[in-house]
Amino acid sequence: MAADLYRDGMARLEAGNVGEGRRLLEEALLLSPGSVEVMHGLARALDLAGERARAEELLELAHARAPDAPEPACDLAMFLMEKGDDAGAARVLAPVLVARPDHPRANLHLAMALAKTDPGRARAHVEKALRGPDPEIQQQAAALERALVATSPR
């Protein structure tokens, strides 16, 4: 039942119906309070609804429950980077990349977190992100690579 609510909630979010998606995901979380997948989905809905603090709280809970789960870690890392906490973002992404060293989105986000303090390491993570199959991640990685070259030539 919770899995059906989760799928329906995510489908509603993707269709642009944030209110109904959120309602379904909140119901799914009541039925499966420990589900990292549901917490992540609800966090996305809350973020879209403008409830960033609650969204971040759920992402922190999801990350604490499954530190190597890529999607909640990537979203939490972005929240942290938006607040200027690049080191915190790197810490959140570390367990993901231990478990899945070639995960494109996690590598892209770690490259972003390292861009100011360690451009050499950032480039290595950009290269891994560029090898992923998602064209959007590839475009973002290529843009970051250009920025890294412009600010810190090899």
Protein backbone atom coordinates (compact mmCIF):
# COMPACT_ATOMS: atom_id res chain seq x y z
CA MET A 1 0.00 0.00 0.00
CA ALA A 2 2.75 2.49 0.93
CA ALA A 3 4.61 1.59 -2.26
CA ASP A 4 1.52 2.39 -4.33
CA LEU A 5 1.06 5.70 -2.52
CA TYR A 6 4.72 6.50 -3.10
CA ARG A 7 4.49 5.75 -6.84
CA ASP A 8 1.26 7.71 -7.17
CA GLY A 9 2.69 10.63 -5.19
CA MET A 10 5.83 10.77 -7.31
CA ALA A 11 3.76 10.58 -10.51
CA ARG A 12 1.66 13.51 -9.30
CA LEU A 13 4.81 15.50 -8.51
CA GLU A 14 6.22 14.85 -11.95
CA ALA A 15 2.90 15.90 -13.48
CA GLY A 16 3.14 19.20 -11.58
CA ASN A 17 0.47 18.50 -8.96
CA VAL A 18 2.59 19.28 -5.92
CA GLY A 19 -0.29 19.42 -3.45
CA GLU A 20 -1.69 16.00 -4.28
CA GLY A 21 1.79 14.50 -4.60
CA ARG A 22 2.68 15.81 -1.18
CA ARG A 23 -0.55 14.49 0.35
CA LEU A 24 0.07 11.01 -1.05
CA LEU A 25 3.70 11.01 0.04
CA GLU A 26 2.81 12.14 3.56
CA GLU A 27 0.31 9.28 3.73
CA ALA A 28 2.98 6.85 2.45
CA LEU A 29 5.38 8.07 5.15
CA LEU A 30 2.77 7.40 7.84
CA LEU A 31 2.53 3.81 6.60
CA SER A 32 6.32 3.39 6.16
CA PRO A 33 7.94 5.85 8.56
CA GLY A 34 11.44 4.47 8.03
CA SER A 35 11.40 4.40 4.23
CA VAL A 36 14.33 6.39 2.84
CA GLU A 37 12.70 6.41 -0.58
CA VAL A 38 9.48 7.90 0.78
CA MET A 39 11.35 10.44 2.94
CA HIS A 40 13.28 11.55 -0.13
CA GLY A 41 10.14 11.84 -2.24
CA LEU A 42 8.34 13.84 0.43
CA ALA A 43 11.39 16.08 0.84
CA ARG A 44 11.22 16.84 -2.89
CA ALA A 45 7.50 17.65 -2.58
CA LEU A 46 8.11 19.90 0.43
CA ASP A 47 10.91 21.71 -1.37
CA LEU A 48 8.61 22.33 -4.34
CA ALA A 49 5.97 23.60 -1.92
CA GLY A 50 8.44 26.09 -0.45
CA GLU A 51 8.98 24.25 2.84
CA ARG A 52 12.75 24.06 2.66
CA ALA A 53 13.44 23.63 6.36
CA ARG A 54 11.19 20.57 6.63
CA ALA A 55 12.56 19.22 3.35
CA GLU A 56 16.12 19.51 4.64
CA GLU A 57 15.13 17.87 7.92
CA LEU A 58 13.71 14.85 6.04
CA LEU A 59 16.80 14.63 3.85
CA GLU A 60 18.98 14.60 6.98
CA LEU A 61 16.85 11.78 8.43
CA ALA A 62 17.02 9.81 5.17
CA HIS A 63 20.78 10.32 5.00
CA ALA A 64 21.25 9.23 8.61
CA ARG A 65 19.22 6.09 7.92
CA ALA A 66 21.02 5.25 4.63
CA PRO A 67 24.23 7.30 4.27
CA ASP A 68 25.14 5.59 1.00
CA ALA A 69 21.79 6.26 -0.73
CA PRO A 70 22.73 8.57 -3.61
CA GLU A 71 19.56 10.58 -4.23
CA PRO A 72 18.88 11.91 -0.72
CA ALA A 73 22.61 12.55 -0.22
CA CYS A 74 22.86 14.50 -3.48
CA ASP A 75 19.83 16.63 -2.63
CA LEU A 76 21.07 17.24 0.91
CA ALA A 77 24.50 18.17 -0.46
CA MET A 78 22.88 20.76 -2.74
CA PHE A 79 21.00 22.28 0.20
CA LEU A 80 24.27 22.49 2.13
CA MET A 81 26.16 24.05 -0.78
CA GLU A 82 23.41 26.64 -1.20
CA LYS A 83 24.09 27.63 2.42
CA GLY A 84 27.84 27.84 1.75
CA ASP A 85 28.68 24.59 3.55
CA ASP A 86 30.77 22.94 0.84
CA ALA A 87 32.70 20.86 3.39
CA GLY A 88 29.44 19.54 4.83
CA ALA A 89 28.27 18.64 1.33
CA ALA A 90 31.50 16.73 0.71
CA ARG A 91 31.03 14.82 3.99
CA VAL A 92 27.47 13.87 3.03
CA LEU A 93 28.60 12.58 -0.38
CA ALA A 94 31.61 10.59 0.88
CA PRO A 95 29.71 7.42 1.89
CA VAL A 96 27.84 7.41 -1.42
CA LEU A 97 31.06 7.47 -3.41
CA VAL A 98 32.63 4.78 -1.24
CA ALA A 99 29.67 2.53 -2.09
CA ARG A 100 29.26 3.71 -5.70
CA PRO A 101 32.47 5.42 -6.88
CA ASP A 102 31.19 6.02 -10.41
CA HIS A 103 27.77 7.46 -9.54
CA PRO A 104 27.52 10.41 -11.98
CA ARG A 105 25.33 12.76 -9.94
CA ALA A 106 27.24 12.18 -6.70
CA ASN A 107 30.52 12.82 -8.53
CA LEU A 108 29.12 16.02 -10.06
CA HIS A 109 27.95 17.29 -6.69
CA LEU A 110 31.25 16.44 -5.02
CA ALA A 111 33.08 18.24 -7.82
CA MET A 112 30.90 21.28 -7.15
CA ALA A 113 31.64 21.07 -3.42
CA LEU A 114 35.39 20.85 -4.07
CA ALA A 115 35.60 23.40 -6.88
CA LYS A 116 36.77 26.31 -4.70
CA THR A 117 39.08 24.45 -2.34
CA ASP A 118 40.49 21.56 -4.36
CA PRO A 119 40.11 22.07 -8.13
CA GLY A 120 42.35 19.09 -8.95
CA ARG A 121 40.14 16.65 -7.06
CA ALA A 122 37.08 18.42 -8.43
CA ARG A 123 38.29 17.73 -11.99
CA ALA A 124 38.69 14.02 -11.24
CA HIS A 125 35.07 13.88 -10.10
CA VAL A 126 33.93 15.89 -13.11
CA GLU A 127 35.53 13.27 -15.37
CA LYS A 128 33.49 10.54 -13.69
CA ALA A 129 30.30 12.60 -13.99
CA LEU A 130 30.98 13.12 -17.71
CA ARG A 131 31.02 9.35 -18.25
CA GLY A 132 27.46 8.93 -16.97
CA PRO A 133 24.52 8.35 -19.31
CA ASP A 134 22.39 11.38 -18.30
CA PRO A 135 22.79 14.25 -20.79
CA GLU A 136 21.76 16.86 -18.21
CA ILE A 137 24.45 15.71 -15.78
CA GLN A 138 26.96 15.63 -18.64
CA GLN A 139 26.07 19.23 -19.56
CA GLN A 140 26.42 20.41 -15.98
CA ALA A 141 29.73 18.55 -15.60
CA ALA A 142 31.05 20.05 -18.85
CA ALA A 143 30.10 23.55 -17.67
CA LEU A 144 31.83 22.95 -14.34
CA GLU A 145 34.89 21.60 -16.14
CA ARG A 146 35.07 24.79 -18.24
CA ALA A 147 34.78 26.90 -15.09
CA LEU A 148 37.51 24.90 -13.36
CA VAL A 149 39.86 25.29 -16.34
CA ALA A 150 39.14 29.04 -16.51
CA THR A 151 39.84 29.62 -12.83
CA SER A 152 42.57 27.06 -12.30
CA PRO A 153 44.37 25.92 -15.44
CA ARG A 154 46.24 22.64 -15.17
